[in-house]
Protein backbone atom coordinates (compact mmCIF):
# COMPACT_ATOMS: atom_id res chain seq x y z
CA MET A 1 -2.52 -34.35 33.75
CA TYR A 2 -1.05 -36.04 30.69
CA GLY A 3 -4.42 -37.59 29.82
CA GLU A 4 -6.16 -34.21 29.94
CA ARG A 5 -3.57 -32.64 27.64
CA LEU A 6 -3.87 -35.57 25.21
CA THR A 7 -7.67 -35.23 25.17
CA GLY A 8 -7.35 -31.51 24.48
CA ILE A 9 -4.96 -32.13 21.57
CA GLU A 10 -7.28 -34.76 20.09
CA GLN A 11 -10.20 -32.32 20.25
CA GLU A 12 -8.17 -29.61 18.53
CA VAL A 13 -7.09 -32.03 15.79
CA SER A 14 -10.71 -33.13 15.28
CA ALA A 15 -11.88 -29.53 15.00
CA LEU A 16 -9.10 -28.76 12.51
CA LYS A 17 -10.05 -31.78 10.36
CA ASP A 18 -13.66 -30.59 10.34
CA ARG A 19 -12.66 -27.09 9.19
CA VAL A 20 -10.46 -28.55 6.44
CA PHE A 21 -13.30 -30.80 5.26
CA ARG A 22 -15.76 -27.90 5.10
CA SER A 23 -13.22 -25.72 3.27
CA ARG A 24 -12.61 -28.47 0.69
CA ALA A 25 -16.36 -28.86 0.18
CA ARG A 26 -16.79 -25.12 -0.46
CA LEU A 27 -13.86 -25.09 -2.87
CA ALA A 28 -15.29 -28.10 -4.73
CA VAL A 29 -18.60 -26.28 -5.19
CA LEU A 30 -16.81 -23.16 -6.42
CA ARG A 31 -14.64 -25.21 -8.79
CA ASP A 32 -17.69 -26.86 -10.35
CA THR A 33 -19.38 -23.47 -10.64
CA VAL A 34 -16.38 -21.97 -12.42
CA LEU A 35 -15.96 -24.95 -14.75
CA ARG A 36 -19.60 -24.82 -15.77
CA GLY A 37 -19.24 -21.09 -16.25
CA VAL A 38 -16.30 -21.57 -18.60
CA MET A 39 -18.43 -23.76 -20.83
CA ALA A 40 -21.39 -21.37 -20.69
CA GLY A 41 -19.29 -18.26 -21.24
CA SER A 42 -20.58 -16.25 -18.25
CA ARG A 43 -18.04 -14.02 -16.51
CA LEU A 44 -17.80 -11.89 -13.38
CA VAL A 45 -15.37 -9.02 -12.92
CA ALA A 46 -15.40 -7.38 -9.48
CA THR A 47 -13.26 -4.62 -7.99
CA HIS A 48 -13.11 -2.73 -4.71
CA ARG A 49 -12.99 1.07 -4.57
CA ASN A 50 -11.67 2.75 -1.43
CA ILE A 51 -12.98 6.27 -0.82
CA MET A 52 -13.00 6.07 2.96
CA GLY A 53 -12.16 9.20 4.94
CA SER A 54 -8.73 9.84 6.43
CA GLY A 55 -9.94 8.87 9.91
CA PHE A 56 -9.94 5.21 8.89
CA ARG A 57 -7.27 2.95 7.37
CA LEU A 58 -8.22 -0.18 5.42
CA VAL A 59 -6.27 -3.13 6.84
CA LYS A 60 -8.22 -6.18 5.63
CA ILE A 61 -10.68 -7.21 2.92
CA VAL A 62 -12.37 -10.57 2.49
CA VAL A 63 -14.57 -11.52 -0.48
CA VAL A 64 -16.90 -14.52 -0.52
CA LEU A 65 -18.63 -15.83 -3.65
CA ASP A 66 -21.43 -18.39 -3.31
CA GLY A 67 -20.20 -19.36 0.15
CA ALA A 68 -16.53 -19.78 -0.80
CA GLN A 69 -13.78 -17.32 0.02
CA VAL A 70 -12.26 -16.11 -3.26
CA PHE A 71 -10.15 -13.16 -2.11
CA ILE A 72 -8.44 -12.04 1.07
CA ARG A 73 -5.82 -9.43 1.77
CA ASP A 74 -4.58 -8.55 5.22
CA ASP A 75 -2.13 -5.66 5.45
CA ASP A 76 -1.35 -3.34 8.34
CA THR A 77 1.57 -1.59 6.62
CA GLY A 78 -0.68 0.99 4.96
CA ASP A 79 -0.09 -0.22 1.40
CA LEU A 80 -3.61 -1.65 1.05
CA ASP A 81 -5.18 1.62 2.15
CA LYS A 82 -3.20 3.52 -0.49
CA LEU A 83 -4.94 1.67 -3.33
CA ASP A 84 -7.86 3.65 -4.75
CA GLU A 85 -9.27 0.63 -6.62
CA PHE A 86 -8.15 -2.96 -7.14
CA GLU A 87 -9.46 -6.24 -8.55
CA ILE A 88 -11.04 -8.74 -6.16
CA TYR A 89 -12.38 -11.30 -8.67
CA ASP A 90 -12.17 -12.04 -12.39
CA GLY A 91 -13.46 -15.39 -13.54
CA ASN A 92 -16.15 -17.47 -15.22
CA LEU A 93 -19.42 -18.48 -13.60
CA VAL A 94 -22.32 -20.74 -14.44
CA PRO A 95 -25.29 -18.66 -15.67
CA GLY A 96 -27.94 -18.02 -13.04
CA PRO A 97 -28.24 -16.56 -9.53
CA HIS A 98 -25.19 -15.91 -7.38
CA ARG A 99 -24.29 -14.10 -4.17
CA ILE A 100 -21.15 -12.12 -3.48
CA GLY A 101 -20.15 -10.55 -0.18
CA VAL A 102 -17.36 -8.29 1.04
CA GLU A 103 -16.12 -7.63 4.57
CA LEU A 104 -13.88 -4.66 5.30
CA THR A 105 -11.82 -4.07 8.42
CA TYR A 106 -10.53 -0.59 9.22
CA GLN A 107 -8.17 0.67 11.88
CA GLY A 108 -8.79 4.07 13.40
CA ASN A 109 -6.33 6.64 12.13
CA GLY A 110 -5.64 9.69 14.29
CA TYR A 111 -2.88 11.92 15.53
CA GLY A 112 -2.35 14.13 18.55
CA VAL A 113 -5.45 14.22 20.75
CA PHE A 114 -7.08 11.76 18.33
CA SER A 115 -4.28 9.17 18.49
CA TYR A 116 -6.53 6.95 20.65
CA LEU A 117 -8.40 6.03 17.46
CA ARG A 118 -5.50 3.74 16.52
CA ASP A 119 -6.59 1.41 19.34
CA TYR A 120 -9.92 0.69 17.64
CA SER A 121 -10.92 -1.41 14.65
CA PHE A 122 -14.17 -1.20 12.68
CA THR A 123 -15.72 -3.97 10.58
CA ASN A 124 -18.40 -3.52 7.93
CA SER A 125 -19.87 -5.86 5.31
CA ALA A 126 -22.36 -6.03 2.47
CA VAL A 127 -23.76 -8.80 0.26
CA HIS A 128 -25.27 -8.65 -3.20
CA ASP A 129 -27.37 -11.13 -5.17
CA PHE A 130 -26.99 -11.05 -8.93
CA ASP A 131 -27.75 -13.08 -12.05
CA ALA A 132 -24.95 -14.13 -14.40
CA PRO A 133 -26.24 -14.08 -17.99
CA LYS A 134 -25.37 -16.78 -20.49
CA ASP A 135 -22.58 -15.64 -22.82
CA GLY A 136 -22.45 -12.34 -20.93
CA GLU A 137 -20.40 -10.40 -18.39
CA VAL A 138 -21.26 -8.86 -15.03
CA LYS A 139 -19.17 -6.01 -13.63
CA LEU A 140 -19.49 -5.12 -9.96
CA VAL A 141 -17.65 -2.77 -7.63
CA SER A 142 -17.79 -2.66 -3.85
CA VAL A 143 -17.33 0.86 -2.53
CA GLY A 144 -16.06 1.56 0.98
CA PHE A 145 -16.87 5.07 2.17
CA GLU A 146 -17.54 7.22 5.23
CA LYS A 147 -21.16 8.14 5.86
CA GLY A 148 -22.77 10.68 8.16
CA ASN A 149 -21.35 13.99 9.33
CA ILE A 150 -19.38 15.51 12.19
CA THR A 151 -22.07 14.49 14.70
CA THR A 152 -22.07 10.82 13.59
CA GLU A 153 -20.40 8.41 16.00
CA MET A 154 -17.14 6.93 14.70
CA GLN A 155 -18.43 3.35 14.84
CA ASP A 156 -21.38 4.34 12.64
CA ARG A 157 -19.37 6.01 9.89
CA PRO A 158 -17.76 3.07 7.97
CA ALA A 159 -20.04 1.88 5.16
CA VAL A 160 -19.81 -0.29 2.06
CA GLU A 161 -22.17 -0.82 -0.86
CA TRP A 162 -22.20 -2.70 -4.14
CA GLN A 163 -22.59 -1.00 -7.51
CA THR A 164 -23.13 -2.45 -10.98
CA ILE A 165 -21.07 -1.15 -13.87
CA ASP A 166 -22.73 -0.58 -17.21
CA ALA A 167 -20.17 -2.07 -19.60
CA GLY A 168 -21.45 -0.01 -22.50
CA ALA A 169 -21.73 3.40 -20.85
CA GLY A 170 -19.05 2.84 -18.22
CA LYS A 171 -21.43 4.16 -15.54
CA SER A 172 -22.14 2.62 -12.15
CA LYS A 173 -25.53 1.98 -10.61
CA ARG A 174 -26.02 1.91 -6.85
CA ILE A 175 -27.40 -1.32 -5.39
CA PRO A 176 -29.55 -1.20 -2.22
CA PRO A 177 -28.00 -3.22 0.65
CA ALA A 178 -29.24 -6.81 0.69
CA ARG A 179 -31.11 -8.15 3.69
CA GLY A 180 -28.60 -9.55 6.14
CA SER A 181 -25.95 -7.02 5.18
CA ALA A 182 -24.39 -4.95 7.95
CA ASN A 183 -25.36 -1.85 6.01
CA ALA A 184 -29.01 -2.88 5.91
CA GLY A 185 -29.16 -2.05 9.58
CA ALA A 186 -27.04 1.06 9.04
CA ALA A 187 -24.50 -0.06 11.61
CA ALA A 188 -20.86 -1.11 11.73
CA SER A 189 -19.35 -3.21 14.47
CA ALA A 190 -16.50 -1.67 16.40
CA GLU A 191 -14.14 -3.50 18.67
CA LYS A 192 -11.17 -2.52 20.75
CA ALA A 193 -7.94 -3.65 19.11
CA GLU A 194 -5.63 -5.59 21.33
CA GLY A 195 -2.11 -4.29 20.79
CA GLU A 196 0.98 -5.72 22.32
CA SER A 197 1.18 -2.71 24.60
CA LYS A 198 -2.23 -3.62 26.06
CA LYS A 199 -1.20 -7.13 27.09
């Protein structure tokens, strides 16, 4: 009995060490990318805009740049959902190709006969490939919104897309979903939330 528990603990410790190693490797790559970007003068400014319908409440956002997580915010108090737009990245990059991705998690928001929606969560993501110019700046915005109409299933309504911002004109340009993005297949994953009352 004791030997089995010890073996289990050793396996957990080994798995944890592996995750830490991989996280350090990703951070090292990102650090080198940023440092080279500082010297080259390339910069990325990214924000998230929340225009989702009232039937959904934003509770988590995760942003990944070139394979490394650069932003995460997890909030079930409702404060995150109240923000119309907020910054998710502002930093230097090495000139050349890059990939940025965003994953949004929503909780159903309903009252009365629709209160059951609170027991469900919906996750949607999108990635975007872009080129950082030398001595230039790239402005991007991820937009979370509700698509479809009254006949669209709830799990198919959450959507997110990337837009480029024209620094000179201040206008945004829609970017088609990249291959591999959840939006490319026009689908969002929905899963039943496990509340304490369900245990």
